[in-house]
Amino acid sequence: MVTHNKNGGVVPVQADKLEKRTTINYKVQITKIEDGKESHIDLTFGITKIALYDKPDKWMNAVLIKGFGQHPLILLTNKKPDSKAPKDVHKIVEIYLTRWKYDQCFRYIE
């Protein structure tokens, strides 16, 4: 994938290196219930613009979420949140996490 550098140019970046080019400036605490036990997870997240190599003219937003494991979770979206409004970026995180919960439920049912 590619992203913008500080001078406005385009530079290639690997997914595992994207964290270094993203400002992680949002924080939220979520509640996880597993086996009837409640635990809290602190998440930090940020957003940056990226394009894929095979579609260099189609820019998307990559939301990086830290706190679920050793590596950050990267969510790609075509939504255009105001990066200065934490509620906008948090909404994207909530939508994806809700979808993730539904997918886990269906896997359990199957």
N, C-alpha and C. Protein backbone atom coordinates (compact mmCIF):
# COMPACT_ATOMS: atom_id res chain seq x y z
N MET A 1 0.84 -1.17 0.00
CA MET A 1 0.00 0.00 0.00
C MET A 1 0.89 1.23 0.00
N VAL A 2 0.29 2.36 -0.27
CA VAL A 2 1.02 3.63 -0.27
C VAL A 2 0.32 4.61 0.66
N THR A 3 1.08 5.57 1.15
CA THR A 3 0.53 6.61 2.00
C THR A 3 1.26 7.91 1.69
N HIS A 4 0.81 8.99 2.29
CA HIS A 4 1.46 10.29 2.09
C HIS A 4 2.60 10.46 3.08
N ASN A 5 3.67 11.13 2.64
CA ASN A 5 4.72 11.48 3.58
C ASN A 5 4.49 12.91 4.07
N LYS A 6 5.38 13.42 4.91
CA LYS A 6 5.20 14.74 5.51
C LYS A 6 5.22 15.87 4.48
N ASN A 7 5.86 15.63 3.33
CA ASN A 7 5.94 16.65 2.28
C ASN A 7 4.80 16.57 1.28
N GLY A 8 3.86 15.66 1.52
CA GLY A 8 2.72 15.52 0.61
C GLY A 8 2.96 14.53 -0.51
N GLY A 9 4.16 13.94 -0.56
CA GLY A 9 4.45 12.95 -1.58
C GLY A 9 3.86 11.60 -1.21
N VAL A 10 3.96 10.67 -2.13
CA VAL A 10 3.42 9.33 -1.92
C VAL A 10 4.59 8.37 -1.71
N VAL A 11 4.49 7.54 -0.67
CA VAL A 11 5.54 6.58 -0.37
C VAL A 11 4.93 5.20 -0.13
N PRO A 12 5.63 4.14 -0.55
CA PRO A 12 5.13 2.80 -0.27
C PRO A 12 5.32 2.47 1.21
N VAL A 13 4.41 1.68 1.75
CA VAL A 13 4.52 1.26 3.15
C VAL A 13 3.90 -0.12 3.31
N GLN A 14 4.55 -0.97 4.09
CA GLN A 14 4.01 -2.29 4.38
C GLN A 14 3.01 -2.16 5.52
N ALA A 15 2.05 -3.06 5.57
CA ALA A 15 1.00 -2.99 6.59
C ALA A 15 1.58 -2.98 8.00
N ASP A 16 2.62 -3.79 8.23
CA ASP A 16 3.18 -3.84 9.59
C ASP A 16 3.99 -2.60 9.94
N LYS A 17 4.27 -1.74 8.98
CA LYS A 17 5.00 -0.49 9.24
C LYS A 17 4.07 0.72 9.25
N LEU A 18 2.80 0.51 8.95
CA LEU A 18 1.84 1.61 8.86
C LEU A 18 1.69 2.33 10.20
N GLU A 19 1.86 1.61 11.28
CA GLU A 19 1.73 2.19 12.62
C GLU A 19 2.69 3.36 12.82
N LYS A 20 3.89 3.26 12.26
CA LYS A 20 4.88 4.33 12.40
C LYS A 20 4.47 5.61 11.67
N ARG A 21 3.57 5.49 10.70
CA ARG A 21 3.14 6.64 9.92
C ARG A 21 1.76 7.14 10.32
N THR A 22 1.24 6.61 11.42
CA THR A 22 -0.10 6.98 11.88
C THR A 22 -0.01 7.58 13.27
N THR A 23 -0.66 8.71 13.46
CA THR A 23 -0.73 9.31 14.78
C THR A 23 -1.83 8.62 15.57
N ILE A 24 -1.44 7.98 16.65
CA ILE A 24 -2.40 7.26 17.51
C ILE A 24 -2.80 8.23 18.62
N ASN A 25 -3.90 8.94 18.41
CA ASN A 25 -4.24 10.01 19.35
C ASN A 25 -5.65 9.89 19.94
N TYR A 26 -6.27 8.74 19.83
CA TYR A 26 -7.59 8.54 20.41
C TYR A 26 -7.52 7.37 21.38
N LYS A 27 -8.33 7.43 22.43
CA LYS A 27 -8.32 6.38 23.44
C LYS A 27 -9.75 6.08 23.87
N VAL A 28 -10.05 4.80 24.08
CA VAL A 28 -11.37 4.39 24.53
C VAL A 28 -11.22 3.09 25.32
N GLN A 29 -12.13 2.86 26.24
CA GLN A 29 -12.14 1.61 26.99
C GLN A 29 -13.41 0.86 26.63
N ILE A 30 -13.25 -0.42 26.27
CA ILE A 30 -14.42 -1.23 25.94
C ILE A 30 -14.55 -2.35 26.97
N THR A 31 -15.75 -2.88 27.08
CA THR A 31 -16.03 -3.97 28.01
C THR A 31 -16.19 -5.25 27.21
N LYS A 32 -15.48 -6.28 27.62
CA LYS A 32 -15.55 -7.58 26.95
C LYS A 32 -16.13 -8.58 27.94
N ILE A 33 -17.13 -9.34 27.51
CA ILE A 33 -17.72 -10.38 28.35
C ILE A 33 -17.41 -11.72 27.71
N GLU A 34 -16.67 -12.54 28.44
CA GLU A 34 -16.29 -13.85 27.93
C GLU A 34 -16.47 -14.87 29.05
N ASP A 35 -17.20 -15.92 28.77
CA ASP A 35 -17.51 -16.95 29.77
C ASP A 35 -18.15 -16.35 31.02
N GLY A 36 -19.00 -15.35 30.82
CA GLY A 36 -19.71 -14.72 31.92
C GLY A 36 -18.88 -13.77 32.75
N LYS A 37 -17.63 -13.57 32.37
CA LYS A 37 -16.75 -12.66 33.11
C LYS A 37 -16.52 -11.39 32.31
N GLU A 38 -16.60 -10.28 33.02
CA GLU A 38 -16.44 -8.97 32.39
C GLU A 38 -15.01 -8.48 32.56
N SER A 39 -14.43 -7.98 31.48
CA SER A 39 -13.10 -7.38 31.55
C SER A 39 -13.09 -6.12 30.70
N HIS A 40 -12.17 -5.24 31.01
CA HIS A 40 -12.06 -3.98 30.29
C HIS A 40 -10.79 -3.99 29.45
N ILE A 41 -10.91 -3.48 28.24
CA ILE A 41 -9.77 -3.40 27.33
C ILE A 41 -9.57 -1.94 26.95
N ASP A 42 -8.35 -1.45 27.13
CA ASP A 42 -8.02 -0.09 26.71
C ASP A 42 -7.55 -0.14 25.26
N LEU A 43 -8.23 0.59 24.40
CA LEU A 43 -7.86 0.67 23.00
C LEU A 43 -7.36 2.06 22.68
N THR A 44 -6.35 2.14 21.85
CA THR A 44 -5.92 3.42 21.29
C THR A 44 -6.01 3.27 19.79
N PHE A 45 -6.35 4.35 19.12
CA PHE A 45 -6.50 4.26 17.68
C PHE A 45 -6.21 5.58 17.00
N GLY A 46 -5.92 5.48 15.72
CA GLY A 46 -5.64 6.65 14.89
C GLY A 46 -6.06 6.35 13.47
N ILE A 47 -5.96 7.36 12.62
CA ILE A 47 -6.43 7.21 11.24
C ILE A 47 -5.43 7.85 10.29
N THR A 48 -5.27 7.23 9.13
CA THR A 48 -4.41 7.77 8.09
C THR A 48 -4.97 7.38 6.73
N LYS A 49 -4.60 8.10 5.71
CA LYS A 49 -5.06 7.79 4.35
C LYS A 49 -4.07 6.84 3.68
N ILE A 50 -4.62 5.85 2.96
CA ILE A 50 -3.79 4.90 2.22
C ILE A 50 -4.45 4.59 0.88
N ALA A 51 -3.66 4.06 -0.02
CA ALA A 51 -4.17 3.52 -1.29
C ALA A 51 -3.47 2.18 -1.51
N LEU A 52 -4.15 1.26 -2.16
CA LEU A 52 -3.56 -0.03 -2.45
C LEU A 52 -2.78 0.06 -3.75
N TYR A 53 -1.76 -0.80 -3.90
CA TYR A 53 -0.91 -0.76 -5.09
C TYR A 53 -1.71 -0.92 -6.38
N ASP A 54 -2.69 -1.81 -6.36
CA ASP A 54 -3.44 -2.07 -7.59
C ASP A 54 -4.52 -1.02 -7.86
N LYS A 55 -4.76 -0.11 -6.91
CA LYS A 55 -5.73 0.98 -7.11
C LYS A 55 -5.15 2.28 -6.53
N PRO A 56 -4.07 2.78 -7.13
CA PRO A 56 -3.38 3.94 -6.55
C PRO A 56 -4.18 5.24 -6.57
N ASP A 57 -5.24 5.29 -7.36
CA ASP A 57 -6.05 6.51 -7.42
C ASP A 57 -7.23 6.48 -6.44
N LYS A 58 -7.45 5.35 -5.79
CA LYS A 58 -8.57 5.22 -4.86
C LYS A 58 -8.05 5.26 -3.42
N TRP A 59 -8.17 6.41 -2.80
CA TRP A 59 -7.68 6.58 -1.43
C TRP A 59 -8.75 6.19 -0.43
N MET A 60 -8.31 5.50 0.62
CA MET A 60 -9.21 5.06 1.70
C MET A 60 -8.61 5.51 3.02
N ASN A 61 -9.38 5.34 4.07
CA ASN A 61 -8.87 5.62 5.41
C ASN A 61 -8.53 4.30 6.08
N ALA A 62 -7.37 4.25 6.70
CA ALA A 62 -6.97 3.09 7.50
C ALA A 62 -7.04 3.50 8.96
N VAL A 63 -7.87 2.81 9.72
CA VAL A 63 -7.98 3.05 11.16
C VAL A 63 -7.14 1.98 11.84
N LEU A 64 -6.12 2.38 12.58
CA LEU A 64 -5.27 1.45 13.31
C LEU A 64 -5.73 1.40 14.76
N ILE A 65 -5.98 0.19 15.25
CA ILE A 65 -6.45 0.00 16.63
C ILE A 65 -5.42 -0.83 17.37
N LYS A 66 -4.91 -0.29 18.46
CA LYS A 66 -3.96 -1.02 19.31
C LYS A 66 -4.67 -1.42 20.60
N GLY A 67 -4.39 -2.64 21.06
CA GLY A 67 -4.95 -3.08 22.33
C GLY A 67 -5.55 -4.47 22.28
N PHE A 68 -5.70 -5.04 21.08
CA PHE A 68 -6.28 -6.38 20.96
C PHE A 68 -5.22 -7.48 20.95
N GLY A 69 -4.00 -7.13 20.69
CA GLY A 69 -2.95 -8.14 20.61
C GLY A 69 -1.61 -7.49 20.37
N GLN A 70 -0.67 -8.29 19.93
CA GLN A 70 0.68 -7.80 19.71
C GLN A 70 0.75 -6.79 18.56
N HIS A 71 -0.03 -7.03 17.52
CA HIS A 71 -0.02 -6.16 16.35
C HIS A 71 -1.32 -5.36 16.28
N PRO A 72 -1.26 -4.15 15.74
CA PRO A 72 -2.49 -3.36 15.64
C PRO A 72 -3.45 -3.95 14.60
N LEU A 73 -4.71 -3.75 14.84
CA LEU A 73 -5.76 -4.13 13.91
C LEU A 73 -5.91 -2.98 12.92
N ILE A 74 -5.95 -3.28 11.63
CA ILE A 74 -6.09 -2.25 10.60
C ILE A 74 -7.45 -2.41 9.94
N LEU A 75 -8.26 -1.38 10.01
CA LEU A 75 -9.58 -1.37 9.38
C LEU A 75 -9.53 -0.42 8.19
N LEU A 76 -9.92 -0.90 7.02
CA LEU A 76 -9.99 -0.04 5.84
C LEU A 76 -11.43 0.40 5.64
N THR A 77 -11.62 1.68 5.38
CA THR A 77 -12.96 2.21 5.19
C THR A 77 -12.94 3.32 4.15
N ASN A 78 -14.08 3.46 3.47
CA ASN A 78 -14.22 4.58 2.54
C ASN A 78 -14.93 5.76 3.22
N LYS A 79 -15.30 5.60 4.49
CA LYS A 79 -15.90 6.70 5.24
C LYS A 79 -14.86 7.80 5.41
N LYS A 80 -15.33 9.04 5.42
CA LYS A 80 -14.42 10.18 5.54
C LYS A 80 -14.70 10.94 6.83
N PRO A 81 -14.20 10.41 7.95
CA PRO A 81 -14.45 11.10 9.22
C PRO A 81 -13.59 12.34 9.34
N ASP A 82 -14.03 13.24 10.18
CA ASP A 82 -13.21 14.40 10.52
C ASP A 82 -12.13 13.89 11.47
N SER A 83 -10.88 13.87 11.03
CA SER A 83 -9.81 13.29 11.85
C SER A 83 -9.56 14.08 13.12
N LYS A 84 -10.11 15.28 13.22
CA LYS A 84 -9.96 16.07 14.43
C LYS A 84 -11.13 15.85 15.39
N ALA A 85 -12.11 15.06 14.97
CA ALA A 85 -13.28 14.78 15.80
C ALA A 85 -13.22 13.32 16.26
N PRO A 86 -12.80 13.08 17.50
CA PRO A 86 -12.68 11.70 17.97
C PRO A 86 -13.97 10.89 17.83
N LYS A 87 -15.13 11.55 17.96
CA LYS A 87 -16.39 10.82 17.83
C LYS A 87 -16.54 10.19 16.46
N ASP A 88 -16.11 10.89 15.41
CA ASP A 88 -16.22 10.35 14.05
C ASP A 88 -15.39 9.08 13.89
N VAL A 89 -14.15 9.12 14.35
CA VAL A 89 -13.27 7.96 14.22
C VAL A 89 -13.75 6.84 15.14
N HIS A 90 -14.18 7.17 16.34
CA HIS A 90 -14.69 6.17 17.29
C HIS A 90 -15.91 5.46 16.72
N LYS A 91 -16.74 6.17 15.99
CA LYS A 91 -17.94 5.58 15.37
C LYS A 91 -17.53 4.47 14.40
N ILE A 92 -16.49 4.70 13.61
CA ILE A 92 -16.00 3.68 12.68
C ILE A 92 -15.53 2.46 13.45
N VAL A 93 -14.80 2.68 14.53
CA VAL A 93 -14.32 1.57 15.36
C VAL A 93 -15.51 0.78 15.92
N GLU A 94 -16.52 1.48 16.42
CA GLU A 94 -17.71 0.81 16.97
C GLU A 94 -18.43 -0.03 15.92
N ILE A 95 -18.58 0.52 14.72
CA ILE A 95 -19.27 -0.20 13.65
C ILE A 95 -18.54 -1.51 13.32
N TYR A 96 -17.23 -1.44 13.16
CA TYR A 96 -16.47 -2.64 12.83
C TYR A 96 -16.49 -3.65 13.97
N LEU A 97 -16.37 -3.17 15.22
CA LEU A 97 -16.39 -4.09 16.36
C LEU A 97 -17.75 -4.77 16.50
N THR A 98 -18.82 -4.03 16.23
CA THR A 98 -20.16 -4.62 16.27
C THR A 98 -20.29 -5.70 15.19
N ARG A 99 -19.82 -5.41 14.01
CA ARG A 99 -19.85 -6.39 12.92
C ARG A 99 -19.04 -7.64 13.30
N TRP A 100 -17.92 -7.42 13.92
CA TRP A 100 -17.06 -8.51 14.35
C TRP A 100 -17.80 -9.41 15.35
N LYS A 101 -18.54 -8.81 16.29
CA LYS A 101 -19.32 -9.58 17.27
C LYS A 101 -20.37 -10.43 16.57
N TYR A 102 -21.06 -9.86 15.58
CA TYR A 102 -22.06 -10.62 14.84
C TYR A 102 -21.43 -11.81 14.13
N ASP A 103 -20.28 -11.58 13.49
CA ASP A 103 -19.60 -12.66 12.79
C ASP A 103 -19.21 -13.78 13.76
N GLN A 104 -18.74 -13.43 14.94
CA GLN A 104 -18.39 -14.44 15.94
C GLN A 104 -19.62 -15.24 16.37
N CYS A 105 -20.74 -14.55 16.54
CA CYS A 105 -21.98 -15.24 16.93
C CYS A 105 -22.40 -16.25 15.86
N PHE A 106 -22.35 -15.85 14.60
CA PHE A 106 -22.74 -16.76 13.53
C PHE A 106 -21.80 -17.94 13.44
N ARG A 107 -20.50 -17.73 13.65
CA ARG A 107 -19.56 -18.84 13.65
C ARG A 107 -19.87 -19.82 14.77
N TYR A 108 -20.25 -19.30 15.93
CA TYR A 108 -20.58 -20.14 17.07
C TYR A 108 -21.84 -20.96 16.79
N ILE A 109 -22.83 -20.32 16.16
CA ILE A 109 -24.10 -20.99 15.85
C ILE A 109 -23.88 -22.11 14.83
N GLU A 110 -23.04 -21.87 13.84
CA GLU A 110 -22.79 -22.87 12.81
C GLU A 110 -22.08 -24.04 13.41
